[in-house]
Amino acid sequence: MEQHVTPSEDAPPPLMYRVERPVYDEAYLHTQLLHPRERSPKTIRQRLAQQLQ
């Protein structure tokens, strides 16, 4: 005579993982992180002009 054991009787309950993620502003991500070169001067002349202003 075979005994059939269901997984819930033999194994412990599955672990539930909860990951807390910070919520970011999409506009901030777009302007600050995704396109850093667009907001910073590209050439030395542009950097000097920005510093001298």
C-alpha atoms as a PDB file:
ATOM      1  CA  MET A   1       0.000   0.000   0.000  1.00  0.00           C
ATOM      2  CA  GLU A   2       1.516   3.318  -1.111  1.00  0.00           C
ATOM      3  CA  GLN A   3       1.142   6.532   0.796  1.00  0.00           C
ATOM      4  CA  HIS A   4       0.730   9.666  -1.280  1.00  0.00           C
ATOM      5  CA  VAL A   5       2.012  12.738   0.470  1.00  0.00           C
ATOM      6  CA  THR A   6       1.056  16.113  -0.889  1.00  0.00           C
ATOM      7  CA  PRO A   7       3.797  18.763  -0.978  1.00  0.00           C
ATOM      8  CA  SER A   8       2.018  20.899   1.604  1.00  0.00           C
ATOM      9  CA  GLU A   9       2.116  18.114   4.200  1.00  0.00           C
ATOM     10  CA  ASP A  10       5.780  17.166   3.802  1.00  0.00           C
ATOM     11  CA  ALA A  11       7.574  20.387   2.822  1.00  0.00           C
ATOM     12  CA  PRO A  12       7.671  23.665   4.747  1.00  0.00           C
ATOM     13  CA  PRO A  13       5.639  26.515   3.281  1.00  0.00           C
ATOM     14  CA  PRO A  14       7.434  28.447   0.527  1.00  0.00           C
ATOM     15  CA  LEU A  15       9.332  31.499   1.660  1.00  0.00           C
ATOM     16  CA  MET A  16       7.939  34.855   0.640  1.00  0.00           C
ATOM     17  CA  TYR A  17      10.520  37.467  -0.251  1.00  0.00           C
ATOM     18  CA  ARG A  18       9.671  41.134  -0.126  1.00  0.00           C
ATOM     19  CA  VAL A  19      11.974  43.589  -1.841  1.00  0.00           C
ATOM     20  CA  GLU A  20      11.607  47.221  -0.925  1.00  0.00           C
ATOM     21  CA  ARG A  21      12.611  49.459  -3.789  1.00  0.00           C
ATOM     22  CA  PRO A  22      12.671  53.234  -3.694  1.00  0.00           C
ATOM     23  CA  VAL A  23      10.381  55.038  -6.086  1.00  0.00           C
ATOM     24  CA  TYR A  24      12.127  57.375  -8.485  1.00  0.00           C
ATOM     25  CA  ASP A  25      10.797  60.346 -10.353  1.00  0.00           C
ATOM     26  CA  GLU A  26      10.911  59.557 -14.081  1.00  0.00           C
ATOM     27  CA  ALA A  27      11.707  63.167 -14.947  1.00  0.00           C
ATOM     28  CA  TYR A  28      14.686  63.096 -12.572  1.00  0.00           C
ATOM     29  CA  LEU A  29      15.939  59.872 -14.081  1.00  0.00           C
ATOM     30  CA  HIS A  30      15.578  61.241 -17.582  1.00  0.00           C
ATOM     31  CA  THR A  31      17.371  64.516 -16.928  1.00  0.00           C
ATOM     32  CA  GLN A  32      19.994  63.502 -14.378  1.00  0.00           C
ATOM     33  CA  LEU A  33      20.946  59.912 -15.079  1.00  0.00           C
ATOM     34  CA  LEU A  34      20.011  58.907 -18.597  1.00  0.00           C
ATOM     35  CA  HIS A  35      21.503  61.835 -20.485  1.00  0.00           C
ATOM     36  CA  PRO A  36      24.362  63.307 -18.440  1.00  0.00           C
ATOM     37  CA  ARG A  37      26.295  64.486 -21.493  1.00  0.00           C
ATOM     38  CA  GLU A  38      23.422  66.575 -22.780  1.00  0.00           C
ATOM     39  CA  ARG A  39      23.431  68.801 -19.717  1.00  0.00           C
ATOM     40  CA  SER A  40      27.209  69.047 -19.307  1.00  0.00           C
ATOM     41  CA  PRO A  41      29.360  71.074 -21.721  1.00  0.00           C
ATOM     42  CA  LYS A  42      31.046  68.909 -24.313  1.00  0.00           C
ATOM     43  CA  THR A  43      34.183  70.838 -25.168  1.00  0.00           C
ATOM     44  CA  ILE A  44      36.867  72.520 -23.087  1.00  0.00           C
ATOM     45  CA  ARG A  45      35.872  75.873 -24.558  1.00  0.00           C
ATOM     46  CA  GLN A  46      32.276  75.364 -23.427  1.00  0.00           C
ATOM     47  CA  ARG A  47      33.432  74.316 -19.941  1.00  0.00           C
ATOM     48  CA  LEU A  48      35.650  77.389 -19.608  1.00  0.00           C
ATOM     49  CA  ALA A  49      32.879  79.666 -20.835  1.00  0.00           C
ATOM     50  CA  GLN A  50      30.510  78.174 -18.260  1.00  0.00           C
ATOM     51  CA  GLN A  51      33.027  78.611 -15.422  1.00  0.00           C
ATOM     52  CA  LEU A  52      33.801  82.209 -16.381  1.00  0.00           C
ATOM     53  CA  GLN A  53      30.156  83.260 -16.458  1.00  0.00           C
END
